Amino acid sequence: MLPENGIVFLIDKDLHWTSFDVVKKIRVAIPEKKVGHAGTLDPLASGLVIVCAGKATKQIDSFMGAEKEYTGTFLLGQTRPSHDLETEPNAFFETAHITEEQLHQAAASFLGPQMQMPPMFSALKVNGKKLYELARKGKEIEVQPRHVEIKEFEITANRMPEIDFRVVVSKGTYIRSLAFDFGKALEAGACLSALRRTRIGEWKIEQSDTIANWLEKWNNGAFGNMEESILTQEQI
């Protein structure tokens, strides 16, 4: 039985799971029909997903509007249609000309409000159809750029052609598109090879738990020991 005001779960999503996979697991375990996530995280990304159940689903929009923090890796020297490792490379580029200074200058050039083109392989809908469904059928659809803001962007390690980064962004920012644009700025091409969401608003990945651990505790009746990965109404 859920608390009267519902529950907000902080889940550390596993790689290859979809955000809706997490929702389905929680919906079955509770059970509760009103369960939803506050922002999609791609299957090839891991990290923080906020899931709301019961009356707490009214809070989803506020969570979705919060800034997000990610860490990850760009693979320079190639581009891919999906801007990540889901698809095969469609072009290769030289990277020998790229210096350490250029990497940091390129990152700094993206700071601030800007227009960003969403990737064709995304869940964004056009005329009721998800872009990735159309892309996989080979259909080209005109997509409009969106207002986003890159609040922080730093290069944390250089293992050319792999570059580690940390970024803080506004709602609606696609890190895969940032990878593509970053490579373009370096005249080298790039795609996203790893991504982890570490924060949504004030909520951090350290406060979360994996879905496997959560389900084990729930099934063992250890609900009281799950406080760190569940937000109370006072915290929301």
Protein backbone atom coordinates (compact mmCIF):
# COMPACT_ATOMS: atom_id res chain seq x y z
CA MET A 1 0.00 0.00 0.00
CA LEU A 2 1.41 3.35 -1.04
CA PRO A 3 1.52 6.39 1.23
CA GLU A 4 -1.37 8.78 0.59
CA ASN A 5 0.87 11.26 -1.26
CA GLY A 6 2.55 8.56 -3.36
CA ILE A 7 6.25 7.78 -3.64
CA VAL A 8 9.18 9.15 -5.64
CA PHE A 9 11.93 6.61 -6.31
CA LEU A 10 15.55 7.47 -7.17
CA ILE A 11 16.71 4.63 -9.41
CA ASP A 12 20.19 3.95 -10.80
CA LYS A 13 19.22 2.59 -14.22
CA ASP A 14 21.29 -0.24 -15.62
CA LEU A 15 22.92 -0.06 -19.05
CA HIS A 16 20.68 -1.44 -21.86
CA TRP A 17 17.47 -0.93 -19.86
CA THR A 18 14.94 1.61 -21.09
CA SER A 19 13.40 4.08 -18.66
CA PHE A 20 10.07 2.39 -19.25
CA ASP A 21 11.59 -1.00 -18.29
CA VAL A 22 12.20 0.51 -14.84
CA VAL A 23 8.64 1.86 -14.70
CA LYS A 24 7.19 -1.56 -15.60
CA LYS A 25 9.20 -3.33 -12.90
CA ILE A 26 8.01 -0.90 -10.22
CA ARG A 27 4.42 -0.94 -11.50
CA VAL A 28 4.27 -4.73 -11.18
CA ALA A 29 6.01 -4.85 -7.79
CA ILE A 30 3.91 -2.23 -6.00
CA PRO A 31 1.37 -2.80 -7.75
CA GLU A 32 0.13 0.63 -8.84
CA LYS A 33 -1.27 1.77 -12.18
CA LYS A 34 -0.14 5.39 -11.84
CA VAL A 35 3.63 5.08 -12.29
CA GLY A 36 5.80 7.20 -14.58
CA HIS A 37 9.38 8.37 -15.04
CA ALA A 38 10.50 11.99 -15.01
CA GLY A 39 12.71 12.02 -18.08
CA THR A 40 13.92 9.41 -20.55
CA LEU A 41 17.43 8.00 -20.31
CA ASP A 42 18.66 6.14 -23.40
CA PRO A 43 19.26 2.36 -23.20
CA LEU A 44 22.98 2.95 -23.89
CA ALA A 45 23.18 5.26 -20.86
CA SER A 46 23.12 4.46 -17.16
CA GLY A 47 22.39 6.54 -14.11
CA LEU A 48 19.68 8.45 -12.30
CA VAL A 49 16.06 7.99 -13.28
CA ILE A 50 13.31 9.46 -11.10
CA VAL A 51 10.14 7.36 -10.98
CA CYS A 52 6.91 8.65 -9.44
CA ALA A 53 4.04 6.48 -8.22
CA GLY A 54 0.50 7.28 -7.07
CA LYS A 55 -0.25 10.95 -6.40
CA ALA A 56 3.46 11.73 -6.68
CA THR A 57 3.06 11.52 -10.47
CA LYS A 58 1.80 15.12 -10.21
CA GLN A 59 5.44 16.05 -9.53
CA ILE A 60 6.79 14.62 -12.80
CA ASP A 61 6.79 17.93 -14.70
CA SER A 62 8.78 19.69 -11.99
CA PHE A 63 11.46 16.98 -12.06
CA MET A 64 11.58 17.01 -15.87
CA GLY A 65 12.16 20.76 -15.85
CA ALA A 66 15.22 20.52 -13.59
CA GLU A 67 18.78 20.79 -14.88
CA LYS A 68 20.68 17.55 -15.48
CA GLU A 69 24.31 16.56 -14.94
CA TYR A 70 26.08 13.86 -16.92
CA THR A 71 29.50 12.29 -17.22
CA GLY A 72 30.57 10.33 -20.25
CA THR A 73 32.91 9.72 -23.15
CA PHE A 74 33.12 11.06 -26.70
CA LEU A 75 34.77 8.94 -29.39
CA LEU A 76 36.47 11.30 -31.85
CA GLY A 77 37.29 10.54 -35.46
CA GLN A 78 33.96 9.20 -36.63
CA THR A 79 30.26 10.00 -36.91
CA ARG A 80 27.27 7.69 -36.69
CA PRO A 81 23.61 8.25 -37.70
CA SER A 82 22.42 7.83 -34.10
CA HIS A 83 25.31 9.95 -32.72
CA ASP A 84 26.12 7.02 -30.38
CA LEU A 85 27.16 3.36 -30.65
CA GLU A 86 23.68 2.13 -31.59
CA THR A 87 24.50 2.45 -35.31
CA GLU A 88 27.58 1.78 -37.40
CA PRO A 89 29.98 4.58 -38.44
CA ASN A 90 29.04 6.50 -41.58
CA ALA A 91 32.19 8.64 -41.84
CA PHE A 92 35.76 8.72 -40.51
CA PHE A 93 38.05 11.69 -39.82
CA GLU A 94 41.65 12.44 -38.88
CA THR A 95 42.29 13.43 -35.25
CA ALA A 96 46.07 13.96 -35.24
CA HIS A 97 45.66 17.73 -35.54
CA ILE A 98 43.66 18.09 -32.29
CA THR A 99 45.56 19.57 -29.34
CA GLU A 100 44.69 19.56 -25.64
CA GLU A 101 44.02 23.29 -25.82
CA GLN A 102 41.60 22.83 -28.71
CA LEU A 103 39.59 20.28 -26.72
CA HIS A 104 39.07 22.73 -23.86
CA GLN A 105 38.39 25.65 -26.21
CA ALA A 106 35.77 23.62 -28.05
CA ALA A 107 34.04 22.70 -24.79
CA ALA A 108 34.02 26.34 -23.65
CA SER A 109 32.50 27.44 -26.97
CA PHE A 110 29.29 25.54 -26.20
CA LEU A 111 28.54 27.27 -22.90
CA GLY A 112 25.34 29.29 -22.70
CA PRO A 113 21.88 29.33 -24.37
CA GLN A 114 21.77 27.99 -27.94
CA MET A 115 19.75 26.16 -30.56
CA GLN A 116 20.36 22.41 -30.78
CA MET A 117 19.21 19.95 -33.42
CA PRO A 118 17.72 16.78 -31.84
CA PRO A 119 19.14 13.49 -33.17
CA MET A 120 17.02 11.55 -35.65
CA PHE A 121 17.39 8.48 -33.42
CA SER A 122 15.39 9.90 -30.49
CA ALA A 123 12.01 9.47 -28.82
CA LEU A 124 10.97 12.96 -29.89
CA LYS A 125 7.65 12.80 -31.75
CA VAL A 126 6.87 14.42 -35.10
CA ASN A 127 3.27 14.13 -36.31
CA GLY A 128 2.65 11.49 -33.65
CA LYS A 129 5.59 9.30 -34.71
CA LYS A 130 8.78 8.79 -32.71
CA LEU A 131 11.83 9.91 -34.67
CA TYR A 132 13.77 6.70 -34.04
CA GLU A 133 10.92 4.65 -35.54
CA LEU A 134 11.08 6.73 -38.72
CA ALA A 135 14.89 6.72 -38.79
CA ARG A 136 15.05 2.95 -38.59
CA LYS A 137 12.78 2.79 -41.64
CA GLY A 138 15.17 5.05 -43.51
CA LYS A 139 12.77 7.99 -43.60
CA GLU A 140 14.14 11.53 -43.44
CA ILE A 141 11.98 13.96 -41.45
CA GLU A 142 12.54 17.68 -41.07
CA VAL A 143 13.27 18.40 -37.41
CA GLN A 144 13.31 21.85 -35.86
CA PRO A 145 16.16 22.93 -33.54
CA ARG A 146 15.33 23.48 -29.87
CA HIS A 147 16.35 26.07 -27.30
CA VAL A 148 18.76 24.52 -24.76
CA GLU A 149 21.44 25.75 -22.40
CA ILE A 150 24.83 24.25 -21.62
CA LYS A 151 25.59 25.48 -18.10
CA GLU A 152 28.87 23.65 -17.46
CA PHE A 153 31.05 21.64 -19.85
CA GLU A 154 34.51 20.36 -18.97
CA ILE A 155 36.93 17.83 -20.40
CA THR A 156 38.01 15.55 -17.55
CA ALA A 157 40.37 13.14 -19.36
CA ASN A 158 42.09 12.90 -22.73
CA ARG A 159 42.76 9.40 -24.04
CA MET A 160 42.58 10.26 -27.74
CA PRO A 161 40.49 9.34 -29.59
CA GLU A 162 38.38 8.97 -26.42
CA ILE A 163 37.59 12.10 -24.43
CA ASP A 164 35.88 12.03 -21.00
CA PHE A 165 33.64 14.93 -20.02
CA ARG A 166 31.24 16.31 -17.42
CA VAL A 167 28.33 18.52 -18.45
CA VAL A 168 25.41 20.31 -16.79
CA VAL A 169 22.51 21.10 -19.12
CA SER A 170 18.96 22.38 -19.25
CA LYS A 171 15.83 20.36 -19.92
CA GLY A 172 15.64 18.98 -23.44
CA THR A 173 19.37 18.88 -24.16
CA TYR A 174 20.59 15.84 -26.09
CA ILE A 175 24.12 14.79 -25.14
CA ARG A 176 24.34 12.74 -28.34
CA SER A 177 23.75 15.92 -30.33
CA LEU A 178 26.37 17.67 -28.21
CA ALA A 179 28.82 14.89 -29.11
CA PHE A 180 28.14 15.37 -32.82
CA ASP A 181 28.44 19.16 -32.57
CA PHE A 182 31.64 18.87 -30.48
CA GLY A 183 33.26 16.75 -33.17
CA LYS A 184 32.14 19.18 -35.85
CA ALA A 185 33.70 22.07 -33.93
CA LEU A 186 37.02 20.17 -33.94
CA GLU A 187 36.68 19.28 -37.63
CA ALA A 188 37.07 15.66 -36.60
CA GLY A 189 33.65 14.12 -36.09
CA ALA A 190 32.55 12.51 -32.81
CA CYS A 191 29.94 10.24 -31.32
CA LEU A 192 28.89 9.41 -27.78
CA SER A 193 30.41 6.14 -26.54
CA ALA A 194 29.39 6.25 -22.86
CA LEU A 195 26.97 8.29 -20.75
CA ARG A 196 25.89 8.35 -17.11
CA ARG A 197 23.35 10.74 -15.58
CA THR A 198 24.63 11.77 -12.18
CA ARG A 199 22.14 14.41 -11.08
CA ILE A 200 18.59 15.71 -11.70
CA GLY A 201 18.06 19.06 -9.98
CA GLU A 202 19.27 18.61 -6.40
CA TRP A 203 18.97 14.81 -6.47
CA LYS A 204 22.24 12.91 -6.97
CA ILE A 205 23.11 9.42 -8.16
CA GLU A 206 24.62 8.69 -4.72
CA GLN A 207 21.10 8.86 -3.25
CA SER A 208 19.75 6.23 -5.66
CA ASP A 209 19.63 2.44 -5.71
CA THR A 210 19.54 -0.09 -8.55
CA ILE A 211 16.22 -1.58 -9.56
CA ALA A 212 17.51 -5.05 -8.59
CA ASN A 213 18.37 -3.93 -5.05
CA TRP A 214 15.12 -2.03 -4.76
CA LEU A 215 13.03 -5.05 -5.78
CA GLU A 216 14.92 -7.32 -3.39
CA LYS A 217 14.25 -4.98 -0.48
CA TRP A 218 10.62 -4.56 -1.46
CA ASN A 219 10.04 -8.31 -1.81
CA ASN A 220 11.70 -8.92 1.56
CA GLY A 221 9.47 -6.34 3.22
CA ALA A 222 12.43 -4.08 3.96
CA PHE A 223 10.61 -0.93 2.87
CA GLY A 224 11.89 0.99 5.88
CA ASN A 225 15.50 0.42 4.78
CA MET A 226 14.90 2.08 1.41
CA GLU A 227 14.63 5.62 2.70
CA GLU A 228 17.76 6.84 0.92
CA SER A 229 16.33 6.02 -2.52
CA ILE A 230 12.79 7.26 -1.80
CA LEU A 231 11.83 10.88 -1.38
CA THR A 232 9.31 11.92 1.25
CA GLN A 233 6.60 14.47 0.51
CA GLU A 234 8.56 17.02 2.56
CA GLN A 235 11.60 16.54 0.30
CA ILE A 236 9.74 16.90 -3.00
